[in-house]
Amino acid sequence: MSPRTGRPPKGEQSRTGKITIRVSEQEAQKIQECADKMNSTRTDAIMAGIDLLKADLDKK
C-alpha cells in the first residue's frame, strides 16, 4: 500500500495553509455565482480574485 493516502492536490502545489472567514449570505452567494460562471470551485474563484487584486496593486 502507498504511504501517501488521501486526496491528491489540485494543480502544481499542495495547499497546506487554511484561512477561515465569516461572510454574509449575500457574499457567499456572490462567491458561488462567480465559481459557477467560472465552472470552478469557490476556492478557485476566491484565488482568482486575489490574483486580480494583487496584479492591480502591483501596477501602482
PDB file of N, CA and C in Angstrom:
ATOM      1  N   MET A   1       0.838  -1.182   0.000  1.00  0.00           N
ATOM      2  CA  MET A   1       0.000   0.000   0.000  1.00  0.00           C
ATOM      3  C   MET A   1       0.880   1.241   0.000  1.00  0.00           C
ATOM      4  N   SER A   2       0.434   2.255  -0.691  1.00  0.00           N
ATOM      5  CA  SER A   2       1.173   3.504  -0.801  1.00  0.00           C
ATOM      6  C   SER A   2       1.171   4.249   0.536  1.00  0.00           C
ATOM      7  N   PRO A   3       2.329   4.832   0.917  1.00  0.00           N
ATOM      8  CA  PRO A   3       2.360   5.584   2.174  1.00  0.00           C
ATOM      9  C   PRO A   3       1.568   6.888   2.097  1.00  0.00           C
ATOM     10  N   ARG A   4       1.342   7.393   0.879  1.00  0.00           N
ATOM     11  CA  ARG A   4       0.578   8.634   0.704  1.00  0.00           C
ATOM     12  C   ARG A   4      -0.878   8.282   0.446  1.00  0.00           C
ATOM     13  N   THR A   5      -1.723   8.619   1.364  1.00  0.00           N
ATOM     14  CA  THR A   5      -3.143   8.363   1.181  1.00  0.00           C
ATOM     15  C   THR A   5      -3.892   9.682   1.215  1.00  0.00           C
ATOM     16  N   GLY A   6      -5.119   9.649   0.799  1.00  0.00           N
ATOM     17  CA  GLY A   6      -5.918  10.865   0.800  1.00  0.00           C
ATOM     18  C   GLY A   6      -6.040  11.439  -0.594  1.00  0.00           C
ATOM     19  N   ARG A   7      -6.665  12.579  -0.640  1.00  0.00           N
ATOM     20  CA  ARG A   7      -6.936  13.234  -1.913  1.00  0.00           C
ATOM     21  C   ARG A   7      -5.671  13.887  -2.454  1.00  0.00           C
ATOM     22  N   PRO A   8      -5.364  13.674  -3.733  1.00  0.00           N
ATOM     23  CA  PRO A   8      -4.177  14.319  -4.316  1.00  0.00           C
ATOM     24  C   PRO A   8      -4.411  15.813  -4.502  1.00  0.00           C
ATOM     25  N   PRO A   9      -3.350  16.621  -4.418  1.00  0.00           N
ATOM     26  CA  PRO A   9      -3.512  18.070  -4.574  1.00  0.00           C
ATOM     27  C   PRO A   9      -3.879  18.435  -6.009  1.00  0.00           C
ATOM     28  N   LYS A  10      -4.708  19.484  -6.144  1.00  0.00           N
ATOM     29  CA  LYS A  10      -5.030  20.023  -7.465  1.00  0.00           C
ATOM     30  C   LYS A  10      -3.936  20.993  -7.848  1.00  0.00           C
ATOM     31  N   GLY A  11      -3.553  20.994  -9.100  1.00  0.00           N
ATOM     32  CA  GLY A  11      -2.553  21.957  -9.554  1.00  0.00           C
ATOM     33  C   GLY A  11      -1.146  21.533  -9.204  1.00  0.00           C
ATOM     34  N   GLU A  12      -0.235  22.499  -9.313  1.00  0.00           N
ATOM     35  CA  GLU A  12       1.180  22.197  -9.140  1.00  0.00           C
ATOM     36  C   GLU A  12       1.639  22.231  -7.691  1.00  0.00           C
ATOM     37  N   GLN A  13       0.875  22.867  -6.803  1.00  0.00           N
ATOM     38  CA  GLN A  13       1.263  22.977  -5.398  1.00  0.00           C
ATOM     39  C   GLN A  13       0.161  22.450  -4.503  1.00  0.00           C
ATOM     40  N   SER A  14       0.558  21.782  -3.418  1.00  0.00           N
ATOM     41  CA  SER A  14      -0.454  21.402  -2.447  1.00  0.00           C
ATOM     42  C   SER A  14      -0.744  22.608  -1.565  1.00  0.00           C
ATOM     43  N   ARG A  15      -1.960  22.712  -1.135  1.00  0.00           N
ATOM     44  CA  ARG A  15      -2.374  23.840  -0.292  1.00  0.00           C
ATOM     45  C   ARG A  15      -2.449  23.349   1.146  1.00  0.00           C
ATOM     46  N   THR A  16      -1.512  23.805   1.950  1.00  0.00           N
ATOM     47  CA  THR A  16      -1.474  23.353   3.337  1.00  0.00           C
ATOM     48  C   THR A  16      -1.985  24.410   4.306  1.00  0.00           C
ATOM     49  N   GLY A  17      -2.002  25.677   3.898  1.00  0.00           N
ATOM     50  CA  GLY A  17      -2.491  26.742   4.767  1.00  0.00           C
ATOM     51  C   GLY A  17      -4.009  26.767   4.783  1.00  0.00           C
ATOM     52  N   LYS A  18      -4.556  27.291   5.873  1.00  0.00           N
ATOM     53  CA  LYS A  18      -6.008  27.358   5.987  1.00  0.00           C
ATOM     54  C   LYS A  18      -6.387  28.709   6.577  1.00  0.00           C
ATOM     55  N   ILE A  19      -7.359  29.367   5.948  1.00  0.00           N
ATOM     56  CA  ILE A  19      -7.886  30.636   6.425  1.00  0.00           C
ATOM     57  C   ILE A  19      -9.397  30.478   6.538  1.00  0.00           C
ATOM     58  N   THR A  20      -9.928  30.842   7.670  1.00  0.00           N
ATOM     59  CA  THR A  20     -11.367  30.781   7.876  1.00  0.00           C
ATOM     60  C   THR A  20     -11.892  32.202   7.987  1.00  0.00           C
ATOM     61  N   ILE A  21     -12.903  32.525   7.180  1.00  0.00           N
ATOM     62  CA  ILE A  21     -13.500  33.859   7.231  1.00  0.00           C
ATOM     63  C   ILE A  21     -15.006  33.732   7.401  1.00  0.00           C
ATOM     64  N   ARG A  22     -15.594  34.783   7.931  1.00  0.00           N
ATOM     65  CA  ARG A  22     -17.048  34.842   8.055  1.00  0.00           C
ATOM     66  C   ARG A  22     -17.564  35.753   6.949  1.00  0.00           C
ATOM     67  N   VAL A  23     -18.575  35.294   6.240  1.00  0.00           N
ATOM     68  CA  VAL A  23     -19.175  36.087   5.174  1.00  0.00           C
ATOM     69  C   VAL A  23     -20.686  36.105   5.366  1.00  0.00           C
ATOM     70  N   SER A  24     -21.307  37.158   4.845  1.00  0.00           N
ATOM     71  CA  SER A  24     -22.770  37.231   4.887  1.00  0.00           C
ATOM     72  C   SER A  24     -23.340  36.260   3.853  1.00  0.00           C
ATOM     73  N   GLU A  25     -24.628  36.044   3.934  1.00  0.00           N
ATOM     74  CA  GLU A  25     -25.290  35.167   2.969  1.00  0.00           C
ATOM     75  C   GLU A  25     -25.145  35.723   1.550  1.00  0.00           C
ATOM     76  N   GLN A  26     -25.232  37.054   1.414  1.00  0.00           N
ATOM     77  CA  GLN A  26     -25.098  37.686   0.096  1.00  0.00           C
ATOM     78  C   GLN A  26     -23.678  37.518  -0.444  1.00  0.00           C
ATOM     79  N   GLU A  27     -22.674  37.665   0.407  1.00  0.00           N
ATOM     80  CA  GLU A  27     -21.285  37.488  -0.028  1.00  0.00           C
ATOM     81  C   GLU A  27     -21.022  36.044  -0.442  1.00  0.00           C
ATOM     82  N   ALA A  28     -21.569  35.107   0.328  1.00  0.00           N
ATOM     83  CA  ALA A  28     -21.412  33.689  -0.018  1.00  0.00           C
ATOM     84  C   ALA A  28     -22.067  33.395  -1.362  1.00  0.00           C
ATOM     85  N   GLN A  29     -23.219  34.023  -1.611  1.00  0.00           N
ATOM     86  CA  GLN A  29     -23.910  33.826  -2.890  1.00  0.00           C
ATOM     87  C   GLN A  29     -23.097  34.399  -4.046  1.00  0.00           C
ATOM     88  N   LYS A  30     -22.486  35.576  -3.846  1.00  0.00           N
ATOM     89  CA  LYS A  30     -21.636  36.170  -4.884  1.00  0.00           C
ATOM     90  C   LYS A  30     -20.471  35.248  -5.223  1.00  0.00           C
ATOM     91  N   ILE A  31     -19.837  34.695  -4.197  1.00  0.00           N
ATOM     92  CA  ILE A  31     -18.709  33.785  -4.415  1.00  0.00           C
ATOM     93  C   ILE A  31     -19.172  32.567  -5.200  1.00  0.00           C
ATOM     94  N   GLN A  32     -20.323  32.011  -4.823  1.00  0.00           N
ATOM     95  CA  GLN A  32     -20.837  30.827  -5.506  1.00  0.00           C
ATOM     96  C   GLN A  32     -21.192  31.139  -6.954  1.00  0.00           C
ATOM     97  N   GLU A  33     -21.795  32.309  -7.202  1.00  0.00           N
ATOM     98  CA  GLU A  33     -22.140  32.700  -8.576  1.00  0.00           C
ATOM     99  C   GLU A  33     -20.890  32.830  -9.439  1.00  0.00           C
ATOM    100  N   CYS A  34     -19.841  33.427  -8.882  1.00  0.00           N
ATOM    101  CA  CYS A  34     -18.580  33.551  -9.628  1.00  0.00           C
ATOM    102  C   CYS A  34     -18.007  32.173  -9.936  1.00  0.00           C
ATOM    103  N   ALA A  35     -18.019  31.299  -8.944  1.00  0.00           N
ATOM    104  CA  ALA A  35     -17.492  29.947  -9.144  1.00  0.00           C
ATOM    105  C   ALA A  35     -18.296  29.208 -10.208  1.00  0.00           C
ATOM    106  N   ASP A  36     -19.610  29.362 -10.176  1.00  0.00           N
ATOM    107  CA  ASP A  36     -20.456  28.701 -11.175  1.00  0.00           C
ATOM    108  C   ASP A  36     -20.152  29.215 -12.582  1.00  0.00           C
ATOM    109  N   LYS A  37     -19.997  30.534 -12.725  1.00  0.00           N
ATOM    110  CA  LYS A  37     -19.698  31.111 -14.040  1.00  0.00           C
ATOM    111  C   LYS A  37     -18.327  30.688 -14.544  1.00  0.00           C
ATOM    112  N   MET A  38     -17.384  30.481 -13.604  1.00  0.00           N
ATOM    113  CA  MET A  38     -16.041  30.032 -13.972  1.00  0.00           C
ATOM    114  C   MET A  38     -15.989  28.521 -14.173  1.00  0.00           C
ATOM    115  N   ASN A  39     -17.093  27.840 -13.825  1.00  0.00           N
ATOM    116  CA  ASN A  39     -17.129  26.379 -13.846  1.00  0.00           C
ATOM    117  C   ASN A  39     -16.002  25.834 -12.968  1.00  0.00           C
ATOM    118  N   SER A  40     -15.929  26.361 -11.760  1.00  0.00           N
ATOM    119  CA  SER A  40     -14.818  26.084 -10.864  1.00  0.00           C
ATOM    120  C   SER A  40     -15.328  25.973  -9.432  1.00  0.00           C
ATOM    121  N   THR A  41     -14.389  25.843  -8.500  1.00  0.00           N
ATOM    122  CA  THR A  41     -14.745  25.781  -7.086  1.00  0.00           C
ATOM    123  C   THR A  41     -14.757  27.178  -6.485  1.00  0.00           C
ATOM    124  N   ARG A  42     -15.355  27.300  -5.319  1.00  0.00           N
ATOM    125  CA  ARG A  42     -15.344  28.586  -4.618  1.00  0.00           C
ATOM    126  C   ARG A  42     -13.921  28.989  -4.275  1.00  0.00           C
ATOM    127  N   THR A  43     -13.097  28.030  -3.884  1.00  0.00           N
ATOM    128  CA  THR A  43     -11.700  28.332  -3.568  1.00  0.00           C
ATOM    129  C   THR A  43     -10.992  28.917  -4.778  1.00  0.00           C
ATOM    130  N   ASP A  44     -11.176  28.305  -5.938  1.00  0.00           N
ATOM    131  CA  ASP A  44     -10.523  28.810  -7.151  1.00  0.00           C
ATOM    132  C   ASP A  44     -11.043  30.194  -7.531  1.00  0.00           C
ATOM    133  N   ALA A  45     -12.331  30.456  -7.302  1.00  0.00           N
ATOM    134  CA  ALA A  45     -12.887  31.779  -7.586  1.00  0.00           C
ATOM    135  C   ALA A  45     -12.264  32.826  -6.667  1.00  0.00           C
ATOM    136  N   ILE A  46     -12.128  32.498  -5.402  1.00  0.00           N
ATOM    137  CA  ILE A  46     -11.509  33.426  -4.449  1.00  0.00           C
ATOM    138  C   ILE A  46     -10.047  33.654  -4.805  1.00  0.00           C
ATOM    139  N   MET A  47      -9.325  32.600  -5.167  1.00  0.00           N
ATOM    140  CA  MET A  47      -7.915  32.744  -5.536  1.00  0.00           C
ATOM    141  C   MET A  47      -7.767  33.606  -6.790  1.00  0.00           C
ATOM    142  N   ALA A  48      -8.688  33.475  -7.746  1.00  0.00           N
ATOM    143  CA  ALA A  48      -8.648  34.318  -8.949  1.00  0.00           C
ATOM    144  C   ALA A  48      -8.853  35.782  -8.572  1.00  0.00           C
ATOM    145  N   GLY A  49      -9.756  36.041  -7.634  1.00  0.00           N
ATOM    146  CA  GLY A  49      -9.968  37.405  -7.163  1.00  0.00           C
ATOM    147  C   GLY A  49      -8.741  37.967  -6.474  1.00  0.00           C
ATOM    148  N   ILE A  50      -8.070  37.151  -5.695  1.00  0.00           N
ATOM    149  CA  ILE A  50      -6.843  37.581  -5.022  1.00  0.00           C
ATOM    150  C   ILE A  50      -5.769  37.901  -6.056  1.00  0.00           C
ATOM    151  N   ASP A  51      -5.659  37.066  -7.088  1.00  0.00           N
ATOM    152  CA  ASP A  51      -4.673  37.318  -8.150  1.00  0.00           C
ATOM    153  C   ASP A  51      -4.957  38.639  -8.867  1.00  0.00           C
ATOM    154  N   LEU A  52      -6.239  38.926  -9.139  1.00  0.00           N
ATOM    155  CA  LEU A  52      -6.605  40.195  -9.782  1.00  0.00           C
ATOM    156  C   LEU A  52      -6.271  41.382  -8.887  1.00  0.00           C
ATOM    157  N   LEU A  53      -6.564  41.269  -7.605  1.00  0.00           N
ATOM    158  CA  LEU A  53      -6.264  42.348  -6.665  1.00  0.00           C
ATOM    159  C   LEU A  53      -4.768  42.587  -6.574  1.00  0.00           C
ATOM    160  N   LYS A  54      -3.989  41.516  -6.490  1.00  0.00           N
ATOM    161  CA  LYS A  54      -2.532  41.651  -6.400  1.00  0.00           C
ATOM    162  C   LYS A  54      -1.973  42.304  -7.654  1.00  0.00           C
ATOM    163  N   ALA A  55      -2.450  41.891  -8.829  1.00  0.00           N
ATOM    164  CA  ALA A  55      -1.983  42.485 -10.088  1.00  0.00           C
ATOM    165  C   ALA A  55      -2.304  43.975 -10.129  1.00  0.00           C
ATOM    166  N   ASP A  56      -3.484  44.349  -9.655  1.00  0.00           N
ATOM    167  CA  ASP A  56      -3.870  45.759  -9.628  1.00  0.00           C
ATOM    168  C   ASP A  56      -2.996  46.549  -8.655  1.00  0.00           C
ATOM    169  N   LEU A  57      -2.722  45.990  -7.501  1.00  0.00           N
ATOM    170  CA  LEU A  57      -1.882  46.674  -6.511  1.00  0.00           C
ATOM    171  C   LEU A  57      -0.434  46.784  -6.973  1.00  0.00           C
ATOM    172  N   ASP A  58       0.046  45.788  -7.705  1.00  0.00           N
ATOM    173  CA  ASP A  58       1.427  45.811  -8.198  1.00  0.00           C
ATOM    174  C   ASP A  58       1.627  46.873  -9.280  1.00  0.00           C
ATOM    175  N   LYS A  59       0.546  47.254  -9.974  1.00  0.00           N
ATOM    176  CA  LYS A  59       0.635  48.287 -11.005  1.00  0.00           C
ATOM    177  C   LYS A  59       0.891  49.660 -10.408  1.00  0.00           C
ATOM    178  N   LYS A  60       0.465  49.855  -9.179  1.00  0.00           N
ATOM    179  CA  LYS A  60       0.558  51.179  -8.544  1.00  0.00           C
ATOM    180  C   LYS A  60       1.924  51.452  -7.992  1.00  0.00           C
TER     181      LYS A  60
END
